[in-house]
Amino acid sequence: MPVLVLMRHGESLWNLENRFTGSIDVPLTARGRSEAAKAALKCSGLKFDIAYCSTLSRAQDTAALFLEELGSDPPLISEPSLIEKNYGILQGLNKDLVRAEYGDEVYNLWHRSYDIGPPGGESLYELGLRVNPFFKQVVSEDLRLGKNVLLVAHGNVIRSLVMLVEKLNPLEVEKIEVGTADPLKYILDENFEATADSGKHCFALCNRGQN
């Protein structure tokens, strides 16, 4: 059965500084590079036939370091539709300062909700309008051909794809937390549904009592 691994990039400089990064190209920290390499231990022995990543350097470098450590050398394709959601006026701002200025309720709506985005930016729903077609048209075809696929992107991109793969509703996806460089491994059945033995890194399935 084909395997799909979804993974957020390792810690970036603006993650470290607690800033909204969004679609800005910010590099990995030394810790982020180490996280990417260590993530291979969670997929030991797994070989990928193809890999996709965002065009932003933090995702590209995470994917390359992970695959190098794993000893797997598939084609690594950069895909523009996998760029993190645009945070609009919040990009580059410190999260604590934004929370202090606008309050917890507005902060959480802009940062976590499904259909409300920050001013000038994207909601998770709008992000899905560009991410999901790529997954359905390209990644799903790879999986149908029996290929093992790695996809490395950003927190909200991974949330959107978890929502799609696990058929979560908007309220469920708001609760999803995506750690840096923490691979989520899905084993797909004959109907290309995530199986109950997809593994402990498939956090949403675990949280819903399916593993």
N, C-alpha and C. Protein backbone atom coordinates (compact mmCIF):
# COMPACT_ATOMS: atom_id res chain seq x y z
N MET A 1 0.85 -1.20 0.00
CA MET A 1 0.00 0.00 0.00
C MET A 1 0.88 1.25 0.00
N PRO A 2 0.50 2.27 -0.76
CA PRO A 2 1.32 3.48 -0.82
C PRO A 2 1.32 4.24 0.50
N VAL A 3 2.40 4.95 0.72
CA VAL A 3 2.57 5.75 1.94
C VAL A 3 2.68 7.23 1.58
N LEU A 4 1.98 8.04 2.32
CA LEU A 4 2.04 9.49 2.19
C LEU A 4 2.60 10.07 3.48
N VAL A 5 3.65 10.86 3.39
CA VAL A 5 4.19 11.55 4.57
C VAL A 5 4.05 13.06 4.35
N LEU A 6 3.36 13.70 5.29
CA LEU A 6 3.23 15.15 5.29
C LEU A 6 4.10 15.70 6.41
N MET A 7 4.84 16.78 6.13
CA MET A 7 5.71 17.32 7.17
C MET A 7 5.87 18.83 7.03
N ARG A 8 5.76 19.50 8.15
CA ARG A 8 6.08 20.93 8.22
C ARG A 8 7.60 21.09 8.26
N HIS A 9 8.08 22.22 7.79
CA HIS A 9 9.51 22.52 7.84
C HIS A 9 10.01 22.60 9.28
N GLY A 10 11.33 22.56 9.45
CA GLY A 10 11.93 22.75 10.76
C GLY A 10 11.83 24.20 11.22
N GLU A 11 12.30 24.45 12.42
CA GLU A 11 12.21 25.79 12.99
C GLU A 11 12.90 26.82 12.10
N SER A 12 12.19 27.90 11.82
CA SER A 12 12.76 29.01 11.04
C SER A 12 13.19 30.13 11.98
N LEU A 13 13.91 31.10 11.42
CA LEU A 13 14.36 32.22 12.23
C LEU A 13 13.19 32.98 12.84
N TRP A 14 12.12 33.17 12.06
CA TRP A 14 10.97 33.91 12.59
C TRP A 14 10.12 33.06 13.52
N ASN A 15 10.16 31.74 13.39
CA ASN A 15 9.55 30.89 14.42
C ASN A 15 10.24 31.15 15.75
N LEU A 16 11.56 31.19 15.71
CA LEU A 16 12.35 31.43 16.92
C LEU A 16 12.02 32.78 17.53
N GLU A 17 11.79 33.77 16.67
CA GLU A 17 11.51 35.13 17.14
C GLU A 17 10.03 35.38 17.39
N ASN A 18 9.20 34.32 17.25
CA ASN A 18 7.76 34.39 17.51
C ASN A 18 7.07 35.42 16.63
N ARG A 19 7.42 35.42 15.34
CA ARG A 19 6.84 36.36 14.39
C ARG A 19 5.98 35.61 13.37
N PHE A 20 4.94 36.28 12.86
CA PHE A 20 4.16 35.72 11.76
C PHE A 20 5.02 35.71 10.50
N THR A 21 5.24 34.53 9.94
CA THR A 21 6.11 34.40 8.79
C THR A 21 5.33 34.39 7.48
N GLY A 22 4.32 33.54 7.40
CA GLY A 22 3.49 33.49 6.20
C GLY A 22 4.27 33.22 4.94
N SER A 23 4.05 34.01 3.91
CA SER A 23 4.64 33.77 2.60
C SER A 23 6.02 34.39 2.43
N ILE A 24 6.59 34.97 3.50
CA ILE A 24 7.94 35.53 3.45
C ILE A 24 8.97 34.41 3.50
N ASP A 25 10.03 34.52 2.71
CA ASP A 25 11.06 33.49 2.67
C ASP A 25 12.06 33.73 3.80
N VAL A 26 11.98 32.92 4.84
CA VAL A 26 12.82 33.05 6.03
C VAL A 26 13.58 31.73 6.21
N PRO A 27 14.88 31.77 6.47
CA PRO A 27 15.67 30.53 6.54
C PRO A 27 15.46 29.74 7.82
N LEU A 28 15.91 28.50 7.79
CA LEU A 28 15.93 27.66 8.97
C LEU A 28 16.98 28.14 9.96
N THR A 29 16.74 27.90 11.23
CA THR A 29 17.77 28.06 12.25
C THR A 29 18.63 26.80 12.27
N ALA A 30 19.71 26.86 13.05
CA ALA A 30 20.53 25.66 13.23
C ALA A 30 19.69 24.54 13.86
N ARG A 31 18.83 24.91 14.78
CA ARG A 31 17.94 23.91 15.39
C ARG A 31 16.99 23.34 14.35
N GLY A 32 16.48 24.18 13.46
CA GLY A 32 15.58 23.71 12.41
C GLY A 32 16.24 22.72 11.48
N ARG A 33 17.50 22.96 11.16
CA ARG A 33 18.23 22.02 10.30
C ARG A 33 18.45 20.69 11.03
N SER A 34 18.74 20.77 12.32
CA SER A 34 18.89 19.55 13.10
C SER A 34 17.58 18.78 13.20
N GLU A 35 16.47 19.51 13.39
CA GLU A 35 15.15 18.88 13.45
C GLU A 35 14.85 18.11 12.16
N ALA A 36 15.19 18.73 11.03
CA ALA A 36 14.91 18.11 9.74
C ALA A 36 15.66 16.79 9.59
N ALA A 37 16.92 16.78 9.99
CA ALA A 37 17.71 15.55 9.89
C ALA A 37 17.22 14.49 10.87
N LYS A 38 16.91 14.89 12.09
CA LYS A 38 16.46 13.94 13.11
C LYS A 38 15.09 13.35 12.77
N ALA A 39 14.29 14.07 12.00
CA ALA A 39 12.96 13.57 11.62
C ALA A 39 13.06 12.27 10.83
N ALA A 40 14.19 12.04 10.19
CA ALA A 40 14.36 10.82 9.41
C ALA A 40 14.28 9.58 10.28
N LEU A 41 14.62 9.70 11.55
CA LEU A 41 14.55 8.56 12.47
C LEU A 41 13.13 8.03 12.60
N LYS A 42 12.13 8.93 12.41
CA LYS A 42 10.74 8.51 12.55
C LYS A 42 10.23 7.80 11.29
N CYS A 43 11.02 7.83 10.23
CA CYS A 43 10.63 7.15 8.98
C CYS A 43 11.72 6.20 8.52
N SER A 44 12.47 5.66 9.47
CA SER A 44 13.60 4.79 9.16
C SER A 44 13.18 3.63 8.25
N GLY A 45 13.95 3.42 7.19
CA GLY A 45 13.69 2.33 6.27
C GLY A 45 12.71 2.66 5.16
N LEU A 46 12.06 3.81 5.22
CA LEU A 46 11.08 4.19 4.21
C LEU A 46 11.76 4.86 3.03
N LYS A 47 11.44 4.43 1.84
CA LYS A 47 11.97 5.01 0.62
C LYS A 47 10.85 5.71 -0.14
N PHE A 48 11.14 6.90 -0.62
CA PHE A 48 10.14 7.67 -1.36
C PHE A 48 10.42 7.61 -2.86
N ASP A 49 9.34 7.57 -3.62
CA ASP A 49 9.45 7.58 -5.08
C ASP A 49 9.44 9.00 -5.63
N ILE A 50 8.82 9.91 -4.91
CA ILE A 50 8.76 11.30 -5.33
C ILE A 50 8.51 12.18 -4.11
N ALA A 51 9.02 13.42 -4.18
CA ALA A 51 8.86 14.35 -3.06
C ALA A 51 8.49 15.73 -3.61
N TYR A 52 7.63 16.41 -2.86
CA TYR A 52 7.22 17.77 -3.21
C TYR A 52 7.49 18.68 -2.02
N CYS A 53 7.78 19.94 -2.33
CA CYS A 53 7.96 20.91 -1.26
C CYS A 53 7.53 22.29 -1.75
N SER A 54 7.31 23.18 -0.81
CA SER A 54 7.06 24.58 -1.11
C SER A 54 8.28 25.18 -1.79
N THR A 55 8.10 26.29 -2.48
CA THR A 55 9.22 26.98 -3.10
C THR A 55 10.01 27.83 -2.11
N LEU A 56 9.53 27.95 -0.87
CA LEU A 56 10.26 28.72 0.14
C LEU A 56 11.42 27.89 0.71
N SER A 57 12.53 28.55 1.00
CA SER A 57 13.77 27.84 1.32
C SER A 57 13.67 26.99 2.57
N ARG A 58 12.86 27.41 3.55
CA ARG A 58 12.78 26.62 4.79
C ARG A 58 12.16 25.25 4.54
N ALA A 59 11.24 25.16 3.58
CA ALA A 59 10.66 23.87 3.22
C ALA A 59 11.61 23.07 2.32
N GLN A 60 12.23 23.74 1.36
CA GLN A 60 13.17 23.05 0.47
C GLN A 60 14.33 22.45 1.25
N ASP A 61 14.90 23.24 2.17
CA ASP A 61 16.04 22.75 2.94
C ASP A 61 15.64 21.63 3.89
N THR A 62 14.46 21.73 4.48
CA THR A 62 13.98 20.65 5.36
C THR A 62 13.84 19.35 4.58
N ALA A 63 13.22 19.43 3.42
CA ALA A 63 13.03 18.23 2.60
C ALA A 63 14.38 17.61 2.21
N ALA A 64 15.32 18.45 1.78
CA ALA A 64 16.62 17.95 1.35
C ALA A 64 17.39 17.30 2.50
N LEU A 65 17.40 17.95 3.66
CA LEU A 65 18.11 17.40 4.81
C LEU A 65 17.48 16.10 5.29
N PHE A 66 16.15 16.04 5.32
CA PHE A 66 15.41 14.85 5.73
C PHE A 66 15.73 13.68 4.80
N LEU A 67 15.66 13.92 3.50
CA LEU A 67 15.89 12.84 2.53
C LEU A 67 17.35 12.38 2.56
N GLU A 68 18.27 13.31 2.71
CA GLU A 68 19.69 12.94 2.79
C GLU A 68 19.95 12.05 3.99
N GLU A 69 19.41 12.42 5.13
CA GLU A 69 19.60 11.62 6.34
C GLU A 69 18.93 10.25 6.21
N LEU A 70 17.79 10.22 5.53
CA LEU A 70 17.05 8.98 5.35
C LEU A 70 17.72 8.06 4.35
N GLY A 71 18.55 8.61 3.47
CA GLY A 71 19.19 7.82 2.42
C GLY A 71 18.26 7.52 1.26
N SER A 72 17.30 8.42 1.05
CA SER A 72 16.34 8.27 -0.04
C SER A 72 16.57 9.42 -1.02
N ASP A 73 16.57 9.11 -2.31
CA ASP A 73 16.93 10.12 -3.30
C ASP A 73 15.89 10.24 -4.42
N PRO A 74 14.64 10.58 -4.06
CA PRO A 74 13.62 10.74 -5.11
C PRO A 74 13.75 12.11 -5.76
N PRO A 75 13.09 12.31 -6.89
CA PRO A 75 13.00 13.67 -7.43
C PRO A 75 12.33 14.58 -6.40
N LEU A 76 12.90 15.77 -6.18
CA LEU A 76 12.34 16.74 -5.23
C LEU A 76 11.85 17.94 -6.04
N ILE A 77 10.54 18.11 -6.06
CA ILE A 77 9.90 19.10 -6.92
C ILE A 77 9.34 20.24 -6.08
N SER A 78 9.74 21.47 -6.39
CA SER A 78 9.21 22.65 -5.71
C SER A 78 7.90 23.07 -6.35
N GLU A 79 6.89 23.32 -5.52
CA GLU A 79 5.55 23.61 -6.01
C GLU A 79 5.03 24.92 -5.40
N PRO A 80 4.77 25.95 -6.23
CA PRO A 80 4.33 27.25 -5.70
C PRO A 80 3.03 27.21 -4.90
N SER A 81 2.12 26.30 -5.23
CA SER A 81 0.83 26.28 -4.53
C SER A 81 0.97 25.82 -3.08
N LEU A 82 2.15 25.31 -2.70
CA LEU A 82 2.37 24.83 -1.34
C LEU A 82 2.97 25.88 -0.42
N ILE A 83 3.11 27.12 -0.88
CA ILE A 83 3.60 28.21 -0.04
C ILE A 83 2.61 28.44 1.11
N GLU A 84 3.17 28.83 2.26
CA GLU A 84 2.35 29.10 3.44
C GLU A 84 1.31 30.18 3.15
N LYS A 85 0.24 30.19 3.94
CA LYS A 85 -0.80 31.20 3.74
C LYS A 85 -0.24 32.59 3.99
N ASN A 86 -0.78 33.54 3.25
CA ASN A 86 -0.38 34.94 3.41
C ASN A 86 -1.07 35.51 4.65
N TYR A 87 -0.29 36.05 5.57
CA TYR A 87 -0.85 36.62 6.80
C TYR A 87 -1.14 38.12 6.68
N GLY A 88 -1.05 38.65 5.46
CA GLY A 88 -1.45 40.04 5.24
C GLY A 88 -0.67 41.02 6.12
N ILE A 89 -1.39 41.88 6.83
CA ILE A 89 -0.77 42.93 7.63
C ILE A 89 0.01 42.38 8.82
N LEU A 90 -0.16 41.09 9.12
CA LEU A 90 0.51 40.50 10.28
C LEU A 90 1.91 40.00 9.96
N GLN A 91 2.24 39.82 8.70
CA GLN A 91 3.52 39.20 8.35
C GLN A 91 4.68 40.02 8.91
N GLY A 92 5.56 39.33 9.62
CA GLY A 92 6.72 39.97 10.22
C GLY A 92 6.50 40.49 11.62
N LEU A 93 5.23 40.54 12.07
CA LEU A 93 4.93 41.09 13.39
C LEU A 93 5.07 40.04 14.48
N ASN A 94 5.45 40.49 15.66
CA ASN A 94 5.54 39.60 16.81
C ASN A 94 4.15 39.17 17.24
N LYS A 95 3.97 37.88 17.47
CA LYS A 95 2.64 37.35 17.79
C LYS A 95 2.12 37.86 19.13
N ASP A 96 3.00 37.98 20.10
CA ASP A 96 2.55 38.47 21.40
C ASP A 96 2.08 39.91 21.32
N LEU A 97 2.74 40.71 20.51
CA LEU A 97 2.33 42.12 20.36
C LEU A 97 1.00 42.21 19.63
N VAL A 98 0.79 41.35 18.65
CA VAL A 98 -0.49 41.33 17.93
C VAL A 98 -1.61 40.93 18.88
N ARG A 99 -1.37 39.91 19.68
CA ARG A 99 -2.38 39.46 20.65
C ARG A 99 -2.72 40.58 21.65
N ALA A 100 -1.68 41.29 22.11
CA ALA A 100 -1.90 42.37 23.08
C ALA A 100 -2.70 43.52 22.46
N GLU A 101 -2.46 43.81 21.18
CA GLU A 101 -3.14 44.93 20.53
C GLU A 101 -4.58 44.62 20.18
N TYR A 102 -4.84 43.40 19.67
CA TYR A 102 -6.17 43.08 19.14
C TYR A 102 -7.01 42.21 20.07
N GLY A 103 -6.40 41.59 21.06
CA GLY A 103 -7.14 40.72 21.98
C GLY A 103 -7.13 39.28 21.53
N ASP A 104 -7.39 38.37 22.48
CA ASP A 104 -7.32 36.94 22.20
C ASP A 104 -8.31 36.49 21.13
N GLU A 105 -9.54 36.99 21.18
CA GLU A 105 -10.57 36.52 20.26
C GLU A 105 -10.21 36.82 18.82
N VAL A 106 -9.84 38.06 18.54
CA VAL A 106 -9.48 38.43 17.17
C VAL A 106 -8.20 37.71 16.74
N TYR A 107 -7.24 37.64 17.65
CA TYR A 107 -5.98 36.94 17.35
C TYR A 107 -6.26 35.50 16.93
N ASN A 108 -7.07 34.80 17.69
CA ASN A 108 -7.37 33.40 17.39
C ASN A 108 -8.14 33.24 16.10
N LEU A 109 -9.04 34.16 15.80
CA LEU A 109 -9.77 34.10 14.53
C LEU A 109 -8.81 34.24 13.36
N TRP A 110 -7.94 35.21 13.42
CA TRP A 110 -7.00 35.43 12.33
C TRP A 110 -6.00 34.29 12.19
N HIS A 111 -5.61 33.72 13.32
CA HIS A 111 -4.53 32.74 13.32
C HIS A 111 -5.01 31.30 13.14
N ARG A 112 -6.21 30.96 13.67
CA ARG A 112 -6.61 29.57 13.75
C ARG A 112 -7.90 29.22 13.02
N SER A 113 -8.75 30.19 12.76
CA SER A 113 -10.07 29.84 12.23
C SER A 113 -9.99 29.34 10.78
N TYR A 114 -11.05 28.69 10.36
CA TYR A 114 -11.10 28.10 9.02
C TYR A 114 -11.42 29.12 7.94
N ASP A 115 -12.35 30.01 8.20
CA ASP A 115 -12.86 30.86 7.13
C ASP A 115 -12.66 32.36 7.34
N ILE A 116 -11.89 32.76 8.35
CA ILE A 116 -11.61 34.17 8.58
C ILE A 116 -10.10 34.37 8.55
N GLY A 117 -9.63 35.18 7.62
CA GLY A 117 -8.21 35.45 7.52
C GLY A 117 -7.87 36.83 8.03
N PRO A 118 -6.60 37.11 8.28
CA PRO A 118 -6.19 38.44 8.72
C PRO A 118 -6.36 39.46 7.59
N PRO A 119 -6.49 40.73 7.91
CA PRO A 119 -6.65 41.75 6.86
C PRO A 119 -5.54 41.67 5.82
N GLY A 120 -5.95 41.57 4.55
CA GLY A 120 -4.98 41.49 3.47
C GLY A 120 -4.37 40.12 3.27
N GLY A 121 -4.82 39.13 4.06
CA GLY A 121 -4.25 37.79 3.97
C GLY A 121 -5.28 36.73 3.62
N GLU A 122 -4.91 35.47 3.79
CA GLU A 122 -5.75 34.33 3.43
C GLU A 122 -6.31 33.65 4.67
N SER A 123 -7.49 33.10 4.53
CA SER A 123 -8.03 32.17 5.52
C SER A 123 -7.56 30.77 5.16
N LEU A 124 -7.78 29.82 6.06
CA LEU A 124 -7.44 28.43 5.76
C LEU A 124 -8.28 27.92 4.60
N TYR A 125 -9.54 28.35 4.53
CA TYR A 125 -10.40 27.98 3.41
C TYR A 125 -9.80 28.45 2.09
N GLU A 126 -9.36 29.70 2.04
CA GLU A 126 -8.78 30.24 0.81
C GLU A 126 -7.47 29.55 0.47
N LEU A 127 -6.70 29.21 1.48
CA LEU A 127 -5.47 28.45 1.24
C LEU A 127 -5.79 27.12 0.56
N GLY A 128 -6.83 26.46 1.04
CA GLY A 128 -7.21 25.17 0.48
C GLY A 128 -7.61 25.24 -0.99
N LEU A 129 -8.07 26.40 -1.44
CA LEU A 129 -8.47 26.55 -2.83
C LEU A 129 -7.28 26.41 -3.79
N ARG A 130 -6.06 26.66 -3.29
CA ARG A 130 -4.89 26.45 -4.15
C ARG A 130 -4.12 25.18 -3.81
N VAL A 131 -4.19 24.75 -2.54
CA VAL A 131 -3.45 23.56 -2.12
C VAL A 131 -4.17 22.28 -2.55
N ASN A 132 -5.47 22.21 -2.31
CA ASN A 132 -6.20 20.96 -2.54
C ASN A 132 -6.22 20.52 -4.01
N PRO A 133 -6.38 21.42 -4.99
CA PRO A 133 -6.34 20.96 -6.38
C PRO A 133 -5.00 20.31 -6.75
N PHE A 134 -3.91 20.86 -6.26
CA PHE A 134 -2.60 20.23 -6.53
C PHE A 134 -2.56 18.84 -5.94
N PHE A 135 -3.04 18.69 -4.71
CA PHE A 135 -3.02 17.38 -4.07
C PHE A 135 -3.88 16.39 -4.85
N LYS A 136 -5.08 16.81 -5.22
CA LYS A 136 -6.01 15.90 -5.88
C LYS A 136 -5.55 15.52 -7.29
N GLN A 137 -4.96 16.48 -7.99
CA GLN A 137 -4.60 16.24 -9.39
C GLN A 137 -3.22 15.60 -9.56
N VAL A 138 -2.30 15.91 -8.66
CA VAL A 138 -0.92 15.45 -8.82
C VAL A 138 -0.56 14.37 -7.79
N VAL A 139 -0.66 14.70 -6.51
CA VAL A 139 -0.25 13.77 -5.46
C VAL A 139 -1.13 12.52 -5.46
N SER A 140 -2.43 12.71 -5.61
CA SER A 140 -3.33 11.55 -5.61
C SER A 140 -3.03 10.61 -6.75
N GLU A 141 -2.62 11.15 -7.89
CA GLU A 141 -2.27 10.29 -9.03
C GLU A 141 -1.01 9.49 -8.72
N ASP A 142 -0.03 10.12 -8.09
CA ASP A 142 1.17 9.38 -7.68
C ASP A 142 0.79 8.22 -6.75
N LEU A 143 -0.08 8.50 -5.81
CA LEU A 143 -0.49 7.47 -4.86
C LEU A 143 -1.25 6.34 -5.55
N ARG A 144 -2.08 6.71 -6.52
CA ARG A 144 -2.83 5.68 -7.28
C ARG A 144 -1.88 4.76 -8.05
N LEU A 145 -0.73 5.30 -8.41
CA LEU A 145 0.28 4.50 -9.13
C LEU A 145 1.15 3.70 -8.17
N GLY A 146 0.83 3.77 -6.88
CA GLY A 146 1.55 2.99 -5.89
C GLY A 146 2.84 3.63 -5.40
N LYS A 147 3.03 4.92 -5.65
CA LYS A 147 4.25 5.61 -5.24
C LYS A 147 4.16 6.07 -3.79
N ASN A 148 5.28 6.00 -3.10
CA ASN A 148 5.40 6.60 -1.78
C ASN A 148 5.76 8.08 -1.96
N VAL A 149 4.99 8.96 -1.31
CA VAL A 149 5.11 10.39 -1.55
C VAL A 149 5.46 11.13 -0.27
N LEU A 150 6.44 12.03 -0.37
CA LEU A 150 6.78 12.97 0.71
C LEU A 150 6.33 14.36 0.28
N LEU A 151 5.68 15.09 1.20
CA LEU A 151 5.29 16.46 0.93
C LEU A 151 5.68 17.32 2.13
N VAL A 152 6.59 18.27 1.89
CA VAL A 152 7.10 19.15 2.95
C VAL A 152 6.65 20.58 2.67
N ALA A 153 5.95 21.16 3.62
CA ALA A 153 5.43 22.51 3.41
C ALA A 153 5.39 23.27 4.73
N HIS A 154 4.27 23.88 5.04
CA HIS A 154 4.15 24.80 6.16
C HIS A 154 2.97 24.41 7.04
N GLY A 155 2.91 25.00 8.23
CA GLY A 155 1.90 24.59 9.20
C GLY A 155 0.49 24.61 8.68
N ASN A 156 0.08 25.70 8.05
CA ASN A 156 -1.30 25.80 7.58
C ASN A 156 -1.55 24.96 6.34
N VAL A 157 -0.52 24.79 5.52
CA VAL A 157 -0.65 23.89 4.36
C VAL A 157 -0.88 22.46 4.85
N ILE A 158 -0.11 22.04 5.84
CA ILE A 158 -0.29 20.69 6.38
C ILE A 158 -1.65 20.56 7.05
N ARG A 159 -2.10 21.57 7.77
CA ARG A 159 -3.45 21.53 8.37
C ARG A 159 -4.51 21.34 7.28
N SER A 160 -4.38 22.06 6.18
CA SER A 160 -5.35 21.95 5.10
C SER A 160 -5.36 20.55 4.50
N LEU A 161 -4.17 19.96 4.36
CA LEU A 161 -4.09 18.61 3.78
C LEU A 161 -4.56 17.54 4.76
N VAL A 162 -4.28 17.71 6.04
CA VAL A 162 -4.83 16.78 7.05
C VAL A 162 -6.35 16.83 7.01
N MET A 163 -6.90 18.02 6.88
CA MET A 163 -8.36 18.17 6.79
C MET A 163 -8.90 17.39 5.59
N LEU A 164 -8.19 17.47 4.47
CA LEU A 164 -8.63 16.78 3.26
C LEU A 164 -8.50 15.26 3.40
N VAL A 165 -7.33 14.80 3.82
CA VAL A 165 -7.06 13.36 3.90
C VAL A 165 -7.94 12.68 4.93
N GLU A 166 -8.13 13.33 6.09
CA GLU A 166 -8.87 12.71 7.17
C GLU A 166 -10.34 13.13 7.23
N LYS A 167 -10.73 13.96 6.25
CA LYS A 167 -12.13 14.39 6.14
C LYS A 167 -12.61 15.06 7.44
N LEU A 168 -11.82 16.01 7.92
CA LEU A 168 -12.18 16.75 9.12
C LEU A 168 -13.13 17.89 8.76
N ASN A 169 -13.91 18.33 9.73
CA ASN A 169 -14.77 19.49 9.51
C ASN A 169 -14.05 20.75 10.00
N PRO A 170 -14.58 21.95 9.70
CA PRO A 170 -13.89 23.19 10.08
C PRO A 170 -13.59 23.32 11.56
N LEU A 171 -14.49 22.84 12.43
CA LEU A 171 -14.23 22.94 13.86
C LEU A 171 -13.10 22.01 14.29
N GLU A 172 -13.04 20.84 13.68
CA GLU A 172 -11.97 19.89 14.02
C GLU A 172 -10.60 20.41 13.57
N VAL A 173 -10.56 20.99 12.39
CA VAL A 173 -9.26 21.42 11.87
C VAL A 173 -8.71 22.60 12.65
N GLU A 174 -9.57 23.39 13.27
CA GLU A 174 -9.10 24.51 14.09
C GLU A 174 -8.28 24.03 15.28
N LYS A 175 -8.48 22.79 15.70
CA LYS A 175 -7.78 22.25 16.86
C LYS A 175 -6.45 21.58 16.51
N ILE A 176 -6.19 21.43 15.23
CA ILE A 176 -4.99 20.73 14.79
C ILE A 176 -3.75 21.59 15.02
N GLU A 177 -2.76 21.02 15.70
CA GLU A 177 -1.47 21.66 15.89
C GLU A 177 -0.42 20.89 15.09
N VAL A 178 0.42 21.60 14.40
CA VAL A 178 1.44 20.97 13.55
C VAL A 178 2.81 21.35 14.07
N GLY A 179 3.56 20.39 14.58
CA GLY A 179 4.90 20.66 15.08
C GLY A 179 5.91 20.79 13.95
N THR A 180 7.03 21.43 14.24
CA THR A 180 8.08 21.56 13.23
C THR A 180 8.78 20.22 13.01
N ALA A 181 8.97 19.89 11.74
CA ALA A 181 9.69 18.68 11.33
C ALA A 181 9.20 17.43 12.04
N ASP A 182 7.89 17.28 12.12
CA ASP A 182 7.29 16.09 12.73
C ASP A 182 6.50 15.36 11.64
N PRO A 183 7.08 14.31 11.05
CA PRO A 183 6.42 13.65 9.91
C PRO A 183 5.13 12.93 10.31
N LEU A 184 4.11 13.13 9.50
CA LEU A 184 2.82 12.46 9.67
C LEU A 184 2.70 11.40 8.59
N LYS A 185 2.73 10.14 8.99
CA LYS A 185 2.76 9.04 8.02
C LYS A 185 1.38 8.42 7.88
N TYR A 186 0.87 8.45 6.64
CA TYR A 186 -0.41 7.84 6.32
C TYR A 186 -0.18 6.61 5.45
N ILE A 187 -0.73 5.48 5.89
CA ILE A 187 -0.76 4.28 5.06
C ILE A 187 -2.16 4.19 4.47
N LEU A 188 -2.24 4.11 3.16
CA LEU A 188 -3.53 4.20 2.47
C LEU A 188 -4.02 2.84 2.02
N ASP A 189 -5.32 2.61 2.17
CA ASP A 189 -5.90 1.33 1.77
C ASP A 189 -6.26 1.35 0.29
N GLU A 190 -6.97 0.30 -0.16
CA GLU A 190 -7.29 0.17 -1.58
C GLU A 190 -8.20 1.28 -2.08
N ASN A 191 -8.88 1.96 -1.18
CA ASN A 191 -9.73 3.10 -1.55
C ASN A 191 -9.03 4.44 -1.30
N PHE A 192 -7.71 4.35 -1.02
CA PHE A 192 -6.88 5.54 -0.76
C PHE A 192 -7.39 6.33 0.44
N GLU A 193 -7.90 5.58 1.43
CA GLU A 193 -8.29 6.16 2.71
C GLU A 193 -7.19 5.85 3.72
N ALA A 194 -6.95 6.78 4.65
CA ALA A 194 -5.95 6.56 5.69
C ALA A 194 -6.40 5.42 6.60
N THR A 195 -5.54 4.43 6.79
CA THR A 195 -5.89 3.28 7.61
C THR A 195 -5.62 3.56 9.08
N ALA A 196 -6.18 2.71 9.94
CA ALA A 196 -6.02 2.88 11.38
C ALA A 196 -4.58 2.64 11.82
N ASP A 197 -3.78 1.94 10.99
CA ASP A 197 -2.38 1.68 11.35
C ASP A 197 -1.44 2.69 10.70
N SER A 198 -1.97 3.90 10.43
CA SER A 198 -1.14 4.93 9.83
C SER A 198 -0.02 5.39 10.76
N GLY A 199 -0.11 5.11 12.05
CA GLY A 199 1.01 5.36 12.94
C GLY A 199 0.80 6.52 13.88
N LYS A 200 1.64 6.58 14.90
CA LYS A 200 1.45 7.56 15.96
C LYS A 200 1.65 8.99 15.50
N HIS A 201 2.33 9.20 14.38
CA HIS A 201 2.57 10.56 13.92
C HIS A 201 1.37 11.12 13.18
N CYS A 202 0.38 10.29 12.95
CA CYS A 202 -0.87 10.77 12.33
C CYS A 202 -1.76 11.28 13.45
N PHE A 203 -1.50 12.53 13.90
CA PHE A 203 -2.06 13.00 15.17
C PHE A 203 -3.56 13.16 15.15
N ALA A 204 -4.12 13.57 14.02
CA ALA A 204 -5.58 13.80 14.02
C ALA A 204 -6.32 12.47 14.16
N LEU A 205 -5.83 11.44 13.49
CA LEU A 205 -6.45 10.12 13.63
C LEU A 205 -6.35 9.66 15.08
N CYS A 206 -5.20 9.89 15.71
CA CYS A 206 -5.04 9.49 17.11
C CYS A 206 -6.04 10.24 17.99
N ASN A 207 -6.16 11.53 17.76
CA ASN A 207 -7.04 12.34 18.60
C ASN A 207 -8.50 11.94 18.46
N ARG A 208 -8.86 11.36 17.32
CA ARG A 208 -10.24 10.97 17.09
C ARG A 208 -10.46 9.50 17.45
N GLY A 209 -9.47 8.86 18.10
CA GLY A 209 -9.65 7.50 18.59
C GLY A 209 -9.65 6.45 17.52
N GLN A 210 -8.97 6.72 16.38
CA GLN A 210 -8.95 5.75 15.29
C GLN A 210 -7.64 5.01 15.23
N ASN A 211 -6.78 5.17 16.23
CA ASN A 211 -5.49 4.47 16.20
C ASN A 211 -5.09 4.09 17.62
